[in-house]
Amino acid sequence: MIREIEIECPSCSPQEEVAHEVLKEGQSPLVRCMECGQVHPAKMKTPKNVRLKVIVSKMDVSNTFKTELDSETVLQVDDELVVDDEESGIVCPILITSLEAGGKRVNAGMAEEIETVWGRAIDEVTVKFSAQEGTEKTEVMEKSFHGDYEFVVGAEEKVGNTRLFINKIKVRDGNFRSRKGDVVLAKYVKRIFARKKREGSGQRGSRRGPW
């Protein structure tokens, strides 16, 4: 199988990368331009890895890890990243909450430019519920869920021995989901607003999740 790469062609495209076929690998590689057919030697880019400092928050605890990435990997706030720390043996999926490059916070950047990554662990998250009973009494409840667990507006959820019906969900970006059937993954939930189910109520809701 012929490998293809994109590099500049000295004949037809000296300033812009175009597709080439690799004819010869090794220390003196040869390539053929797929635009003009010119065969010429090429300087092959060798991918390099960088070790990034990653500060991971889980519950109220933050830990610092190191993870290796291809230097050209693009990182962006709100993207997911798997932290693989060889020293501790920790492998943890996170949601990137902040990035630092050049001594300042940025929304995105290549791994080789990034100095520190902040993230929130999403393998298991604690979800807060505001559970309303009647018109005045509201109880705050918490429960841990897998990060990919699905909450559905209008569905039933059980927290401890209490059965709740979800009215609306506040997402971490500040928006709300309140239409029946709206789905939000646990890792994106800021708070769930619900009402306690009365004993003997026959109302039911559908819910889905990896468990």
N, C-alpha and C. Protein backbone atom coordinates (compact mmCIF):
# COMPACT_ATOMS: atom_id res chain seq x y z
N MET A 1 0.84 -1.19 0.00
CA MET A 1 0.00 0.00 0.00
C MET A 1 0.88 1.24 0.00
N ILE A 2 0.63 2.14 -0.95
CA ILE A 2 1.44 3.35 -1.08
C ILE A 2 1.00 4.38 -0.04
N ARG A 3 2.00 4.92 0.70
CA ARG A 3 1.70 5.93 1.70
C ARG A 3 1.68 7.31 1.05
N GLU A 4 0.75 8.13 1.48
CA GLU A 4 0.65 9.49 0.95
C GLU A 4 0.94 10.49 2.06
N ILE A 5 1.64 11.56 1.69
CA ILE A 5 1.90 12.65 2.62
C ILE A 5 1.66 13.98 1.90
N GLU A 6 1.62 15.05 2.65
CA GLU A 6 1.48 16.38 2.04
C GLU A 6 2.70 17.22 2.40
N ILE A 7 3.44 17.60 1.37
CA ILE A 7 4.61 18.47 1.51
C ILE A 7 4.67 19.40 0.30
N GLU A 8 5.61 20.37 0.32
CA GLU A 8 5.78 21.27 -0.82
C GLU A 8 6.45 20.54 -1.99
N CYS A 9 6.05 20.90 -3.19
CA CYS A 9 6.68 20.38 -4.40
C CYS A 9 7.56 21.48 -5.00
N PRO A 10 8.86 21.24 -5.18
CA PRO A 10 9.75 22.29 -5.72
C PRO A 10 9.40 22.70 -7.15
N SER A 11 8.64 21.85 -7.85
CA SER A 11 8.31 22.14 -9.24
C SER A 11 7.01 22.94 -9.38
N CYS A 12 5.93 22.46 -8.79
CA CYS A 12 4.63 23.10 -9.03
C CYS A 12 4.04 23.80 -7.81
N SER A 13 4.58 23.53 -6.62
CA SER A 13 3.97 24.14 -5.43
C SER A 13 5.02 24.33 -4.32
N PRO A 14 5.96 25.26 -4.54
CA PRO A 14 7.05 25.45 -3.57
C PRO A 14 6.61 26.12 -2.27
N GLN A 15 5.44 26.75 -2.26
CA GLN A 15 5.00 27.48 -1.08
C GLN A 15 3.85 26.80 -0.33
N GLU A 16 3.21 25.84 -0.98
CA GLU A 16 2.04 25.22 -0.39
C GLU A 16 2.12 23.71 -0.47
N GLU A 17 1.73 23.03 0.58
CA GLU A 17 1.80 21.57 0.62
C GLU A 17 0.75 20.95 -0.29
N VAL A 18 1.17 19.92 -1.05
CA VAL A 18 0.26 19.16 -1.90
C VAL A 18 0.52 17.68 -1.67
N ALA A 19 -0.37 16.83 -2.18
CA ALA A 19 -0.26 15.39 -1.95
C ALA A 19 0.91 14.79 -2.73
N HIS A 20 1.63 13.87 -2.07
CA HIS A 20 2.74 13.14 -2.68
C HIS A 20 2.63 11.66 -2.33
N GLU A 21 3.11 10.81 -3.24
CA GLU A 21 3.29 9.39 -2.96
C GLU A 21 4.71 9.17 -2.45
N VAL A 22 4.86 8.36 -1.42
CA VAL A 22 6.19 8.04 -0.90
C VAL A 22 6.73 6.84 -1.67
N LEU A 23 7.80 7.06 -2.44
CA LEU A 23 8.40 6.00 -3.24
C LEU A 23 9.47 5.25 -2.46
N LYS A 24 10.16 5.97 -1.56
CA LYS A 24 11.27 5.36 -0.82
C LYS A 24 11.29 5.96 0.59
N GLU A 25 11.29 5.08 1.58
CA GLU A 25 11.37 5.53 2.97
C GLU A 25 12.85 5.55 3.39
N GLY A 26 13.08 5.83 4.65
CA GLY A 26 14.44 5.76 5.16
C GLY A 26 15.08 7.13 5.31
N GLN A 27 16.44 7.13 5.34
CA GLN A 27 17.19 8.37 5.58
C GLN A 27 17.17 9.29 4.36
N SER A 28 17.01 8.74 3.16
CA SER A 28 16.97 9.56 1.95
C SER A 28 15.66 9.28 1.20
N PRO A 29 14.55 9.71 1.73
CA PRO A 29 13.26 9.38 1.12
C PRO A 29 13.04 10.08 -0.21
N LEU A 30 12.33 9.37 -1.11
CA LEU A 30 11.93 9.95 -2.39
C LEU A 30 10.41 9.95 -2.48
N VAL A 31 9.88 11.02 -3.08
CA VAL A 31 8.43 11.13 -3.22
C VAL A 31 8.08 11.58 -4.63
N ARG A 32 6.84 11.30 -5.04
CA ARG A 32 6.35 11.75 -6.34
C ARG A 32 5.14 12.66 -6.12
N CYS A 33 5.20 13.85 -6.69
CA CYS A 33 4.10 14.79 -6.57
C CYS A 33 2.90 14.27 -7.35
N MET A 34 1.74 14.25 -6.71
CA MET A 34 0.54 13.76 -7.35
C MET A 34 -0.15 14.84 -8.19
N GLU A 35 0.41 16.05 -8.17
CA GLU A 35 -0.12 17.13 -8.99
C GLU A 35 0.58 17.18 -10.34
N CYS A 36 1.94 17.13 -10.32
CA CYS A 36 2.70 17.29 -11.57
C CYS A 36 3.54 16.07 -11.92
N GLY A 37 3.68 15.09 -11.02
CA GLY A 37 4.45 13.89 -11.30
C GLY A 37 5.93 14.00 -11.02
N GLN A 38 6.39 15.15 -10.54
CA GLN A 38 7.81 15.37 -10.24
C GLN A 38 8.27 14.45 -9.11
N VAL A 39 9.40 13.75 -9.33
CA VAL A 39 10.01 12.92 -8.28
C VAL A 39 11.14 13.72 -7.65
N HIS A 40 11.14 13.80 -6.34
CA HIS A 40 12.18 14.59 -5.67
C HIS A 40 12.40 14.08 -4.25
N PRO A 41 13.58 14.35 -3.70
CA PRO A 41 13.83 13.96 -2.30
C PRO A 41 12.97 14.81 -1.38
N ALA A 42 12.73 14.29 -0.18
CA ALA A 42 11.86 15.01 0.75
C ALA A 42 12.40 14.94 2.16
N LYS A 43 12.16 15.99 2.90
CA LYS A 43 12.46 15.99 4.32
C LYS A 43 11.17 15.58 5.05
N MET A 44 11.21 14.40 5.63
CA MET A 44 10.02 13.86 6.30
C MET A 44 9.96 14.38 7.73
N LYS A 45 8.80 14.88 8.11
CA LYS A 45 8.63 15.33 9.47
C LYS A 45 8.50 14.13 10.41
N THR A 46 9.32 14.13 11.43
CA THR A 46 9.24 13.06 12.42
C THR A 46 8.40 13.53 13.60
N PRO A 47 7.27 12.89 13.82
CA PRO A 47 6.42 13.33 14.94
C PRO A 47 7.17 13.24 16.26
N LYS A 48 7.00 14.24 17.08
CA LYS A 48 7.63 14.22 18.40
C LYS A 48 6.56 14.35 19.47
N ASN A 49 6.85 13.77 20.60
CA ASN A 49 5.90 13.83 21.71
C ASN A 49 6.33 14.88 22.71
N VAL A 50 5.37 15.45 23.40
CA VAL A 50 5.65 16.39 24.48
C VAL A 50 4.94 15.89 25.73
N ARG A 51 5.53 16.19 26.89
CA ARG A 51 4.90 15.82 28.16
C ARG A 51 4.23 17.06 28.72
N LEU A 52 2.95 16.92 28.97
CA LEU A 52 2.17 18.05 29.45
C LEU A 52 1.80 17.88 30.92
N LYS A 53 1.82 19.00 31.63
CA LYS A 53 1.35 19.03 33.01
C LYS A 53 -0.17 19.17 32.98
N VAL A 54 -0.84 18.26 33.67
CA VAL A 54 -2.31 18.27 33.69
C VAL A 54 -2.79 18.27 35.13
N ILE A 55 -3.59 19.27 35.49
CA ILE A 55 -4.16 19.35 36.83
C ILE A 55 -5.61 18.89 36.74
N VAL A 56 -5.89 17.78 37.39
CA VAL A 56 -7.21 17.14 37.29
C VAL A 56 -7.99 17.32 38.59
N SER A 57 -9.19 17.87 38.47
CA SER A 57 -10.07 18.04 39.63
C SER A 57 -11.11 16.94 39.65
N LYS A 58 -11.29 16.36 40.82
CA LYS A 58 -12.32 15.35 41.01
C LYS A 58 -12.93 15.57 42.38
N MET A 59 -14.24 15.80 42.41
CA MET A 59 -14.89 16.22 43.65
C MET A 59 -14.22 17.53 44.10
N ASP A 60 -13.71 17.58 45.33
CA ASP A 60 -13.04 18.79 45.83
C ASP A 60 -11.53 18.62 45.88
N VAL A 61 -11.02 17.62 45.19
CA VAL A 61 -9.58 17.32 45.24
C VAL A 61 -8.96 17.51 43.85
N SER A 62 -7.77 18.13 43.82
CA SER A 62 -7.04 18.30 42.57
C SER A 62 -5.70 17.57 42.65
N ASN A 63 -5.35 16.86 41.59
CA ASN A 63 -4.07 16.15 41.50
C ASN A 63 -3.37 16.54 40.21
N THR A 64 -2.03 16.52 40.26
CA THR A 64 -1.23 16.88 39.09
C THR A 64 -0.63 15.63 38.46
N PHE A 65 -0.80 15.51 37.15
CA PHE A 65 -0.27 14.37 36.41
C PHE A 65 0.53 14.87 35.22
N LYS A 66 1.20 13.92 34.56
CA LYS A 66 1.90 14.19 33.29
C LYS A 66 1.33 13.25 32.24
N THR A 67 1.14 13.75 31.05
CA THR A 67 0.68 12.89 29.96
C THR A 67 1.40 13.24 28.69
N GLU A 68 1.65 12.25 27.83
CA GLU A 68 2.36 12.47 26.57
C GLU A 68 1.37 12.59 25.42
N LEU A 69 1.64 13.59 24.56
CA LEU A 69 0.81 13.80 23.38
C LEU A 69 1.69 14.12 22.19
N ASP A 70 1.21 13.84 20.99
CA ASP A 70 1.88 14.31 19.79
C ASP A 70 1.94 15.83 19.85
N SER A 71 3.10 16.38 19.51
CA SER A 71 3.31 17.84 19.64
C SER A 71 2.32 18.65 18.81
N GLU A 72 1.77 18.05 17.75
CA GLU A 72 0.86 18.79 16.87
C GLU A 72 -0.62 18.56 17.20
N THR A 73 -0.88 17.84 18.30
CA THR A 73 -2.26 17.64 18.73
C THR A 73 -2.87 18.98 19.13
N VAL A 74 -4.05 19.27 18.63
CA VAL A 74 -4.74 20.51 18.98
C VAL A 74 -5.63 20.27 20.20
N LEU A 75 -5.42 21.08 21.23
CA LEU A 75 -6.22 21.00 22.44
C LEU A 75 -7.15 22.21 22.51
N GLN A 76 -8.35 21.99 23.05
CA GLN A 76 -9.34 23.06 23.10
C GLN A 76 -10.19 22.92 24.34
N VAL A 77 -10.53 24.06 24.94
CA VAL A 77 -11.40 24.06 26.11
C VAL A 77 -12.73 23.39 25.74
N ASP A 78 -13.23 22.57 26.65
CA ASP A 78 -14.48 21.80 26.51
C ASP A 78 -14.30 20.53 25.68
N ASP A 79 -13.07 20.26 25.19
CA ASP A 79 -12.80 18.98 24.54
C ASP A 79 -12.47 17.93 25.60
N GLU A 80 -12.63 16.68 25.23
CA GLU A 80 -12.25 15.59 26.13
C GLU A 80 -10.82 15.15 25.85
N LEU A 81 -10.14 14.70 26.90
CA LEU A 81 -8.76 14.25 26.79
C LEU A 81 -8.56 13.09 27.76
N VAL A 82 -7.85 12.05 27.31
CA VAL A 82 -7.52 10.94 28.19
C VAL A 82 -6.11 11.16 28.74
N VAL A 83 -6.01 11.34 30.04
CA VAL A 83 -4.73 11.53 30.71
C VAL A 83 -4.15 10.16 31.04
N ASP A 84 -2.92 9.91 30.58
CA ASP A 84 -2.26 8.63 30.81
C ASP A 84 -0.91 8.91 31.46
N ASP A 85 -0.86 8.85 32.79
CA ASP A 85 0.34 9.16 33.55
C ASP A 85 1.13 7.87 33.80
N GLU A 86 2.29 7.74 33.16
CA GLU A 86 3.07 6.50 33.27
C GLU A 86 3.61 6.29 34.67
N GLU A 87 3.99 7.36 35.36
CA GLU A 87 4.58 7.21 36.69
C GLU A 87 3.59 6.64 37.69
N SER A 88 2.38 7.18 37.69
CA SER A 88 1.38 6.74 38.67
C SER A 88 0.54 5.59 38.15
N GLY A 89 0.54 5.39 36.82
CA GLY A 89 -0.30 4.37 36.22
C GLY A 89 -1.75 4.80 36.09
N ILE A 90 -2.03 6.08 36.37
CA ILE A 90 -3.40 6.60 36.31
C ILE A 90 -3.80 6.86 34.85
N VAL A 91 -4.96 6.35 34.47
CA VAL A 91 -5.57 6.68 33.17
C VAL A 91 -6.95 7.25 33.49
N CYS A 92 -7.16 8.50 33.06
CA CYS A 92 -8.38 9.19 33.47
C CYS A 92 -8.90 10.08 32.36
N PRO A 93 -10.15 9.90 31.94
CA PRO A 93 -10.74 10.82 30.96
C PRO A 93 -11.13 12.12 31.66
N ILE A 94 -10.82 13.25 31.02
CA ILE A 94 -11.17 14.55 31.59
C ILE A 94 -11.86 15.42 30.54
N LEU A 95 -12.52 16.44 31.04
CA LEU A 95 -13.06 17.49 30.19
C LEU A 95 -12.18 18.71 30.43
N ILE A 96 -11.54 19.23 29.38
CA ILE A 96 -10.62 20.36 29.53
C ILE A 96 -11.39 21.60 29.92
N THR A 97 -11.01 22.22 31.04
CA THR A 97 -11.69 23.42 31.52
C THR A 97 -10.86 24.68 31.30
N SER A 98 -9.54 24.54 31.15
CA SER A 98 -8.69 25.71 30.94
C SER A 98 -7.34 25.27 30.38
N LEU A 99 -6.71 26.16 29.62
CA LEU A 99 -5.39 25.90 29.05
C LEU A 99 -4.49 27.13 29.28
N GLU A 100 -3.21 26.87 29.51
CA GLU A 100 -2.25 27.97 29.66
C GLU A 100 -1.14 27.83 28.64
N ALA A 101 -0.86 28.92 27.93
CA ALA A 101 0.23 28.96 26.95
C ALA A 101 0.84 30.35 26.98
N GLY A 102 2.16 30.43 27.03
CA GLY A 102 2.82 31.73 27.06
C GLY A 102 2.48 32.54 28.29
N GLY A 103 2.17 31.86 29.39
CA GLY A 103 1.87 32.55 30.63
C GLY A 103 0.48 33.13 30.72
N LYS A 104 -0.40 32.81 29.76
CA LYS A 104 -1.77 33.32 29.82
C LYS A 104 -2.76 32.23 29.43
N ARG A 105 -4.01 32.45 29.81
CA ARG A 105 -5.06 31.49 29.50
C ARG A 105 -5.48 31.63 28.04
N VAL A 106 -5.67 30.48 27.39
CA VAL A 106 -6.09 30.46 25.98
C VAL A 106 -7.23 29.46 25.84
N ASN A 107 -7.99 29.60 24.76
CA ASN A 107 -9.09 28.68 24.50
C ASN A 107 -8.66 27.45 23.72
N ALA A 108 -7.55 27.58 22.98
CA ALA A 108 -7.07 26.45 22.16
C ALA A 108 -5.60 26.65 21.84
N GLY A 109 -4.93 25.55 21.48
CA GLY A 109 -3.52 25.62 21.10
C GLY A 109 -2.98 24.24 20.81
N MET A 110 -1.83 24.20 20.13
CA MET A 110 -1.18 22.92 19.86
C MET A 110 -0.45 22.47 21.12
N ALA A 111 -0.34 21.16 21.28
CA ALA A 111 0.25 20.59 22.50
C ALA A 111 1.64 21.15 22.79
N GLU A 112 2.43 21.38 21.75
CA GLU A 112 3.79 21.88 21.96
C GLU A 112 3.81 23.31 22.50
N GLU A 113 2.69 24.03 22.38
CA GLU A 113 2.59 25.41 22.87
C GLU A 113 2.01 25.48 24.28
N ILE A 114 1.32 24.43 24.69
CA ILE A 114 0.60 24.45 25.96
C ILE A 114 1.53 24.13 27.12
N GLU A 115 1.42 24.92 28.19
CA GLU A 115 2.24 24.71 29.38
C GLU A 115 1.49 23.90 30.45
N THR A 116 0.21 24.21 30.62
CA THR A 116 -0.58 23.51 31.64
C THR A 116 -2.00 23.30 31.13
N VAL A 117 -2.53 22.13 31.44
CA VAL A 117 -3.92 21.80 31.13
C VAL A 117 -4.67 21.61 32.45
N TRP A 118 -5.83 22.26 32.58
CA TRP A 118 -6.71 22.01 33.71
C TRP A 118 -7.91 21.23 33.21
N GLY A 119 -8.34 20.27 33.98
CA GLY A 119 -9.48 19.48 33.54
C GLY A 119 -10.28 18.92 34.70
N ARG A 120 -11.48 18.48 34.38
CA ARG A 120 -12.38 17.89 35.37
C ARG A 120 -12.58 16.43 35.01
N ALA A 121 -12.31 15.53 35.97
CA ALA A 121 -12.47 14.10 35.72
C ALA A 121 -13.91 13.78 35.39
N ILE A 122 -14.11 12.98 34.35
CA ILE A 122 -15.48 12.66 33.94
C ILE A 122 -15.74 11.15 33.94
N ASP A 123 -14.81 10.37 34.52
CA ASP A 123 -15.09 8.93 34.64
C ASP A 123 -16.20 8.72 35.67
N GLU A 124 -16.20 9.54 36.72
CA GLU A 124 -17.29 9.51 37.70
C GLU A 124 -17.49 10.93 38.21
N VAL A 125 -18.73 11.40 38.20
CA VAL A 125 -19.01 12.77 38.62
C VAL A 125 -20.11 12.77 39.67
N THR A 126 -20.11 13.80 40.52
CA THR A 126 -21.16 13.96 41.51
C THR A 126 -22.17 14.96 40.99
N VAL A 127 -23.42 14.55 40.92
CA VAL A 127 -24.49 15.40 40.41
C VAL A 127 -25.34 15.89 41.57
N LYS A 128 -25.63 17.20 41.57
CA LYS A 128 -26.48 17.79 42.60
C LYS A 128 -27.91 17.92 42.11
N PHE A 129 -28.85 17.60 42.99
CA PHE A 129 -30.28 17.70 42.70
C PHE A 129 -30.91 18.71 43.65
N SER A 130 -31.76 19.56 43.13
CA SER A 130 -32.64 20.38 43.96
C SER A 130 -34.01 19.74 43.88
N ALA A 131 -34.37 19.03 44.92
CA ALA A 131 -35.61 18.24 44.91
C ALA A 131 -36.71 18.99 45.65
N GLN A 132 -37.76 19.35 44.94
CA GLN A 132 -38.85 20.12 45.50
C GLN A 132 -39.96 19.20 45.99
N GLU A 133 -40.48 19.53 47.18
CA GLU A 133 -41.60 18.79 47.73
C GLU A 133 -42.67 19.81 48.11
N GLY A 134 -43.81 19.76 47.47
CA GLY A 134 -44.85 20.76 47.70
C GLY A 134 -44.46 22.07 47.03
N THR A 135 -44.83 23.18 47.65
CA THR A 135 -44.57 24.49 47.04
C THR A 135 -43.45 25.25 47.72
N GLU A 136 -43.02 24.81 48.90
CA GLU A 136 -42.03 25.58 49.62
C GLU A 136 -40.75 24.81 49.94
N LYS A 137 -40.88 23.56 50.28
CA LYS A 137 -39.72 22.79 50.75
C LYS A 137 -38.88 22.26 49.60
N THR A 138 -37.57 22.56 49.63
CA THR A 138 -36.62 22.06 48.62
C THR A 138 -35.43 21.43 49.33
N GLU A 139 -35.09 20.24 48.94
CA GLU A 139 -33.96 19.51 49.54
C GLU A 139 -32.85 19.34 48.51
N VAL A 140 -31.61 19.62 48.93
CA VAL A 140 -30.46 19.43 48.05
C VAL A 140 -29.91 18.02 48.26
N MET A 141 -29.77 17.27 47.18
CA MET A 141 -29.31 15.88 47.24
C MET A 141 -28.15 15.69 46.27
N GLU A 142 -27.33 14.69 46.53
CA GLU A 142 -26.19 14.40 45.66
C GLU A 142 -26.09 12.90 45.40
N LYS A 143 -25.56 12.57 44.20
CA LYS A 143 -25.32 11.17 43.88
C LYS A 143 -24.24 11.09 42.80
N SER A 144 -23.40 10.06 42.88
CA SER A 144 -22.34 9.87 41.89
C SER A 144 -22.83 9.05 40.71
N PHE A 145 -22.39 9.46 39.51
CA PHE A 145 -22.77 8.77 38.28
C PHE A 145 -21.55 8.66 37.37
N HIS A 146 -21.60 7.71 36.46
CA HIS A 146 -20.62 7.65 35.39
C HIS A 146 -20.77 8.90 34.53
N GLY A 147 -19.66 9.43 34.01
CA GLY A 147 -19.71 10.67 33.24
C GLY A 147 -20.61 10.63 32.03
N ASP A 148 -20.81 9.44 31.45
CA ASP A 148 -21.64 9.32 30.25
C ASP A 148 -23.08 8.90 30.57
N TYR A 149 -23.43 8.91 31.83
CA TYR A 149 -24.81 8.58 32.23
C TYR A 149 -25.75 9.65 31.66
N GLU A 150 -26.91 9.24 31.16
CA GLU A 150 -27.84 10.17 30.52
C GLU A 150 -29.00 10.52 31.45
N PHE A 151 -29.23 11.82 31.61
CA PHE A 151 -30.41 12.31 32.31
C PHE A 151 -31.39 12.84 31.28
N VAL A 152 -32.67 12.53 31.48
CA VAL A 152 -33.70 12.91 30.52
C VAL A 152 -34.75 13.76 31.23
N VAL A 153 -35.01 14.95 30.69
CA VAL A 153 -36.05 15.81 31.26
C VAL A 153 -37.40 15.10 31.14
N GLY A 154 -38.12 15.06 32.25
CA GLY A 154 -39.41 14.37 32.28
C GLY A 154 -39.32 12.94 32.76
N ALA A 155 -38.09 12.45 32.94
CA ALA A 155 -37.90 11.06 33.35
C ALA A 155 -37.79 10.95 34.86
N GLU A 156 -37.85 9.72 35.34
CA GLU A 156 -37.73 9.44 36.77
C GLU A 156 -36.30 9.10 37.11
N GLU A 157 -35.82 9.56 38.25
CA GLU A 157 -34.48 9.24 38.73
C GLU A 157 -34.58 8.91 40.22
N LYS A 158 -33.81 7.93 40.65
CA LYS A 158 -33.82 7.55 42.06
C LYS A 158 -32.52 7.98 42.73
N VAL A 159 -32.64 8.75 43.81
CA VAL A 159 -31.49 9.20 44.59
C VAL A 159 -31.68 8.68 46.00
N GLY A 160 -30.85 7.72 46.39
CA GLY A 160 -31.07 7.06 47.67
C GLY A 160 -32.40 6.32 47.61
N ASN A 161 -33.26 6.60 48.57
CA ASN A 161 -34.58 5.97 48.58
C ASN A 161 -35.66 6.89 48.03
N THR A 162 -35.22 8.03 47.46
CA THR A 162 -36.19 9.02 46.98
C THR A 162 -36.32 8.95 45.46
N ARG A 163 -37.54 8.92 44.99
CA ARG A 163 -37.80 8.91 43.55
C ARG A 163 -38.15 10.32 43.11
N LEU A 164 -37.49 10.77 42.07
CA LEU A 164 -37.64 12.14 41.59
C LEU A 164 -38.08 12.15 40.14
N PHE A 165 -38.80 13.22 39.75
CA PHE A 165 -39.09 13.47 38.35
C PHE A 165 -38.33 14.72 37.94
N ILE A 166 -37.54 14.62 36.88
CA ILE A 166 -36.69 15.72 36.44
C ILE A 166 -37.52 16.77 35.71
N ASN A 167 -37.47 18.02 36.21
CA ASN A 167 -38.19 19.13 35.57
C ASN A 167 -37.30 19.88 34.57
N LYS A 168 -36.07 20.18 35.00
CA LYS A 168 -35.14 20.87 34.12
C LYS A 168 -33.71 20.61 34.58
N ILE A 169 -32.77 20.84 33.68
CA ILE A 169 -31.36 20.56 33.96
C ILE A 169 -30.54 21.80 33.62
N LYS A 170 -29.74 22.25 34.57
CA LYS A 170 -28.81 23.34 34.30
C LYS A 170 -27.49 22.75 33.83
N VAL A 171 -27.05 23.19 32.66
CA VAL A 171 -25.81 22.68 32.07
C VAL A 171 -24.64 23.56 32.51
N ARG A 172 -23.44 23.02 32.45
CA ARG A 172 -22.27 23.75 32.95
C ARG A 172 -21.96 25.04 32.17
N ASP A 173 -22.51 25.18 30.96
CA ASP A 173 -22.30 26.42 30.22
C ASP A 173 -23.29 27.51 30.65
N GLY A 174 -24.16 27.19 31.62
CA GLY A 174 -25.11 28.17 32.15
C GLY A 174 -26.49 28.06 31.55
N ASN A 175 -26.65 27.30 30.48
CA ASN A 175 -27.96 27.15 29.86
C ASN A 175 -28.79 26.09 30.58
N PHE A 176 -30.09 26.08 30.25
CA PHE A 176 -31.01 25.11 30.84
C PHE A 176 -31.61 24.23 29.75
N ARG A 177 -31.91 22.99 30.10
CA ARG A 177 -32.67 22.09 29.24
C ARG A 177 -33.96 21.78 29.97
N SER A 178 -35.10 22.15 29.39
CA SER A 178 -36.37 21.99 30.10
C SER A 178 -37.46 21.35 29.25
N ARG A 179 -37.15 21.04 27.98
CA ARG A 179 -38.16 20.37 27.16
C ARG A 179 -38.17 18.88 27.46
N LYS A 180 -39.36 18.31 27.56
CA LYS A 180 -39.48 16.89 27.85
C LYS A 180 -38.74 16.08 26.78
N GLY A 181 -37.88 15.18 27.24
CA GLY A 181 -37.10 14.36 26.31
C GLY A 181 -35.69 14.88 26.08
N ASP A 182 -35.40 16.12 26.52
CA ASP A 182 -34.03 16.64 26.40
C ASP A 182 -33.08 15.75 27.19
N VAL A 183 -31.92 15.46 26.60
CA VAL A 183 -30.94 14.56 27.23
C VAL A 183 -29.65 15.32 27.53
N VAL A 184 -29.12 15.16 28.73
CA VAL A 184 -27.84 15.77 29.11
C VAL A 184 -26.99 14.70 29.79
N LEU A 185 -25.74 14.56 29.37
CA LEU A 185 -24.82 13.62 30.01
C LEU A 185 -24.39 14.16 31.37
N ALA A 186 -24.16 13.25 32.31
CA ALA A 186 -23.81 13.64 33.68
C ALA A 186 -22.60 14.56 33.74
N LYS A 187 -21.63 14.37 32.86
CA LYS A 187 -20.41 15.17 32.90
C LYS A 187 -20.65 16.63 32.54
N TYR A 188 -21.79 16.93 31.95
CA TYR A 188 -22.11 18.31 31.58
C TYR A 188 -23.12 18.96 32.52
N VAL A 189 -23.59 18.23 33.51
CA VAL A 189 -24.65 18.73 34.39
C VAL A 189 -24.08 19.63 35.49
N LYS A 190 -24.71 20.79 35.66
CA LYS A 190 -24.38 21.67 36.79
C LYS A 190 -25.32 21.37 37.96
N ARG A 191 -26.60 21.26 37.68
CA ARG A 191 -27.58 20.93 38.70
C ARG A 191 -28.86 20.44 38.03
N ILE A 192 -29.54 19.52 38.70
CA ILE A 192 -30.82 19.01 38.21
C ILE A 192 -31.94 19.48 39.15
N PHE A 193 -32.98 20.04 38.56
CA PHE A 193 -34.14 20.49 39.32
C PHE A 193 -35.24 19.45 39.14
N ALA A 194 -35.76 18.96 40.26
CA ALA A 194 -36.72 17.87 40.20
C ALA A 194 -37.76 18.02 41.30
N ARG A 195 -38.80 17.23 41.21
CA ARG A 195 -39.79 17.20 42.28
C ARG A 195 -39.90 15.76 42.78
N LYS A 196 -40.14 15.66 44.06
CA LYS A 196 -40.26 14.34 44.67
C LYS A 196 -41.54 13.67 44.23
N LYS A 197 -41.44 12.39 44.00
CA LYS A 197 -42.62 11.63 43.59
C LYS A 197 -43.45 11.28 44.81
N ARG A 198 -44.74 11.53 44.71
CA ARG A 198 -45.64 11.19 45.80
C ARG A 198 -45.91 9.68 45.78
N GLU A 199 -46.05 9.12 46.95
CA GLU A 199 -46.35 7.69 47.05
C GLU A 199 -47.68 7.39 46.37
N GLY A 200 -47.68 6.34 45.57
CA GLY A 200 -48.90 5.94 44.89
C GLY A 200 -49.05 6.56 43.53
N SER A 201 -48.14 7.47 43.16
CA SER A 201 -48.23 8.10 41.84
C SER A 201 -47.86 7.09 40.78
N GLY A 202 -48.61 7.07 39.72
CA GLY A 202 -48.35 6.11 38.65
C GLY A 202 -47.55 6.69 37.51
N GLN A 203 -47.11 7.97 37.65
CA GLN A 203 -46.37 8.61 36.56
C GLN A 203 -45.01 7.97 36.40
N ARG A 204 -44.64 7.75 35.20
CA ARG A 204 -43.35 7.13 34.91
C ARG A 204 -42.61 7.92 33.85
N GLY A 205 -41.32 7.74 33.83
CA GLY A 205 -40.52 8.40 32.80
C GLY A 205 -39.49 7.44 32.28
N SER A 206 -39.06 7.64 31.08
CA SER A 206 -38.01 6.78 30.52
C SER A 206 -36.67 7.39 30.80
N ARG A 207 -35.67 6.57 30.97
CA ARG A 207 -34.32 7.06 31.21
C ARG A 207 -33.34 6.08 30.62
N ARG A 208 -32.20 6.60 30.28
CA ARG A 208 -31.20 5.76 29.63
C ARG A 208 -29.84 6.02 30.22
N GLY A 209 -28.95 5.06 30.09
CA GLY A 209 -27.60 5.24 30.59
C GLY A 209 -26.79 4.00 30.39
N PRO A 210 -25.48 4.08 30.66
CA PRO A 210 -24.62 2.91 30.42
C PRO A 210 -24.75 1.85 31.49
N TRP A 211 -25.43 2.14 32.60
CA TRP A 211 -25.58 1.14 33.66
C TRP A 211 -26.87 0.38 33.53
